[in-house]
C-alpha atoms as a PDB file:
ATOM      1  CA  MET A   1     -74.760  68.563 -79.575  1.00  0.00           C
ATOM      2  CA  LEU A   2     -74.988  66.244 -82.476  1.00  0.00           C
ATOM      3  CA  LEU A   3     -76.658  63.400 -80.159  1.00  0.00           C
ATOM      4  CA  CYS A   4     -79.086  66.258 -78.994  1.00  0.00           C
ATOM      5  CA  LEU A   5     -80.157  66.946 -82.519  1.00  0.00           C
ATOM      6  CA  ALA A   6     -80.270  63.269 -83.465  1.00  0.00           C
ATOM      7  CA  GLY A   7     -82.269  62.949 -80.558  1.00  0.00           C
ATOM      8  CA  ALA A   8     -84.969  65.780 -81.734  1.00  0.00           C
ATOM      9  CA  TYR A   9     -84.729  64.238 -85.548  1.00  0.00           C
ATOM     10  CA  LEU A  10     -85.562  60.771 -84.274  1.00  0.00           C
ATOM     11  CA  GLY A  11     -88.163  61.822 -81.617  1.00  0.00           C
ATOM     12  CA  ARG A  12     -89.995  63.782 -84.179  1.00  0.00           C
ATOM     13  CA  LYS A  13     -89.847  60.896 -86.590  1.00  0.00           C
ATOM     14  CA  ILE A  14     -91.486  58.424 -84.002  1.00  0.00           C
ATOM     15  CA  GLY A  15     -93.968  61.292 -82.774  1.00  0.00           C
ATOM     16  CA  ILE A  16     -92.717  61.800 -79.011  1.00  0.00           C
ATOM     17  CA  PHE A  17     -91.166  65.359 -79.949  1.00  0.00           C
ATOM     18  CA  GLU A  18     -92.668  68.173 -81.495  1.00  0.00           C
ATOM     19  CA  LYS A  19     -89.924  69.527 -83.620  1.00  0.00           C
ATOM     20  CA  GLU A  20     -86.653  68.343 -85.270  1.00  0.00           C
ATOM     21  CA  LEU A  21     -85.199  71.786 -85.569  1.00  0.00           C
ATOM     22  CA  LEU A  22     -83.970  73.893 -82.688  1.00  0.00           C
ATOM     23  CA  THR A  23     -82.031  77.230 -82.089  1.00  0.00           C
ATOM     24  CA  PRO A  24     -78.721  77.537 -80.810  1.00  0.00           C
ATOM     25  CA  LYS A  25     -80.138  78.494 -77.439  1.00  0.00           C
ATOM     26  CA  GLU A  26     -82.329  75.459 -77.346  1.00  0.00           C
ATOM     27  CA  ILE A  27     -79.284  73.286 -77.892  1.00  0.00           C
ATOM     28  CA  ALA A  28     -77.316  75.014 -75.262  1.00  0.00           C
ATOM     29  CA  ASN A  29     -79.983  74.618 -72.818  1.00  0.00           C
ATOM     30  CA  TYR A  30     -80.592  70.818 -73.434  1.00  0.00           C
ATOM     31  CA  THR A  31     -76.739  70.066 -73.402  1.00  0.00           C
ATOM     32  CA  GLY A  32     -75.662  72.477 -70.465  1.00  0.00           C
ATOM     33  CA  ILE A  33     -73.110  74.122 -73.020  1.00  0.00           C
ATOM     34  CA  ASP A  34     -72.699  77.594 -73.138  1.00  0.00           C
ATOM     35  CA  GLU A  35     -74.439  79.228 -75.971  1.00  0.00           C
ATOM     36  CA  ARG A  36     -71.571  80.839 -77.476  1.00  0.00           C
ATOM     37  CA  ILE A  37     -69.713  77.588 -77.579  1.00  0.00           C
ATOM     38  CA  THR A  38     -72.708  75.847 -78.980  1.00  0.00           C
ATOM     39  CA  ARG A  39     -72.758  78.496 -81.833  1.00  0.00           C
ATOM     40  CA  ALA A  40     -69.092  77.804 -82.575  1.00  0.00           C
ATOM     41  CA  ARG A  41     -69.286  74.046 -82.500  1.00  0.00           C
ATOM     42  CA  LEU A  42     -72.619  73.991 -84.704  1.00  0.00           C
ATOM     43  CA  SER A  43     -70.633  75.992 -87.214  1.00  0.00           C
ATOM     44  CA  GLU A  44     -67.779  73.664 -87.253  1.00  0.00           C
ATOM     45  CA  LEU A  45     -70.481  70.538 -87.367  1.00  0.00           C
ATOM     46  CA  ARG A  46     -72.097  72.142 -90.411  1.00  0.00           C
ATOM     47  CA  LYS A  47     -68.896  72.736 -92.226  1.00  0.00           C
ATOM     48  CA  GLU A  48     -68.417  68.888 -91.807  1.00  0.00           C
ATOM     49  CA  GLY A  49     -71.818  68.003 -93.092  1.00  0.00           C
ATOM     50  CA  LEU A  50     -73.027  66.645 -89.798  1.00  0.00           C
ATOM     51  CA  VAL A  51     -75.751  69.144 -89.207  1.00  0.00           C
ATOM     52  CA  ILE A  52     -77.895  71.285 -91.308  1.00  0.00           C
ATOM     53  CA  ARG A  53     -78.908  75.231 -90.854  1.00  0.00           C
ATOM     54  CA  LYS A  54     -81.795  76.603 -92.403  1.00  0.00           C
ATOM     55  CA  GLU A  55     -82.165  80.142 -93.303  1.00  0.00           C
ATOM     56  CA  ASP A  56     -84.433  80.744 -90.289  1.00  0.00           C
ATOM     57  CA  GLY A  57     -81.420  79.834 -88.005  1.00  0.00           C
ATOM     58  CA  LEU A  58     -82.503  76.640 -87.143  1.00  0.00           C
ATOM     59  CA  TYR A  59     -80.244  73.675 -86.738  1.00  0.00           C
ATOM     60  CA  GLY A  60     -81.033  69.901 -87.715  1.00  0.00           C
ATOM     61  CA  PHE A  61     -79.536  66.608 -87.644  1.00  0.00           C
ATOM     62  CA  ALA A  62     -78.162  65.654 -91.205  1.00  0.00           C
ATOM     63  CA  PRO A  63     -79.171  62.047 -91.513  1.00  0.00           C
ATOM     64  CA  ALA A  64     -76.040  61.025 -92.965  1.00  0.00           C
ATOM     65  CA  SER A  65     -74.191  61.769 -90.189  1.00  0.00           C
ATOM     66  CA  LEU A  66     -75.625  58.760 -88.352  1.00  0.00           C
ATOM     67  CA  LYS A  67     -72.431  56.930 -89.330  1.00  0.00           C
ATOM     68  CA  GLU A  68     -70.483  59.396 -87.447  1.00  0.00           C
ATOM     69  CA  ILE A  69     -72.390  58.546 -84.381  1.00  0.00           C
ATOM     70  CA  LEU A  70     -72.522  54.856 -84.447  1.00  0.00           C
ATOM     71  CA  GLU A  71     -68.415  54.769 -84.952  1.00  0.00           C
END
């Protein structure tokens, strides 16, 4: 999930993806993970500061989490 959001973030920055914020359903579709599990894991990742959640329910990559991906 984190890599999915990182891909959307980077794709948007370089102009090959339309948006960098995704719904849990979109993330579930891209990753093949059940939406309920996706929602639970997104909540955990948000608590860890690795993803952000906007008021409209969209999730995004927290650029500070790049270190986590590279480790």
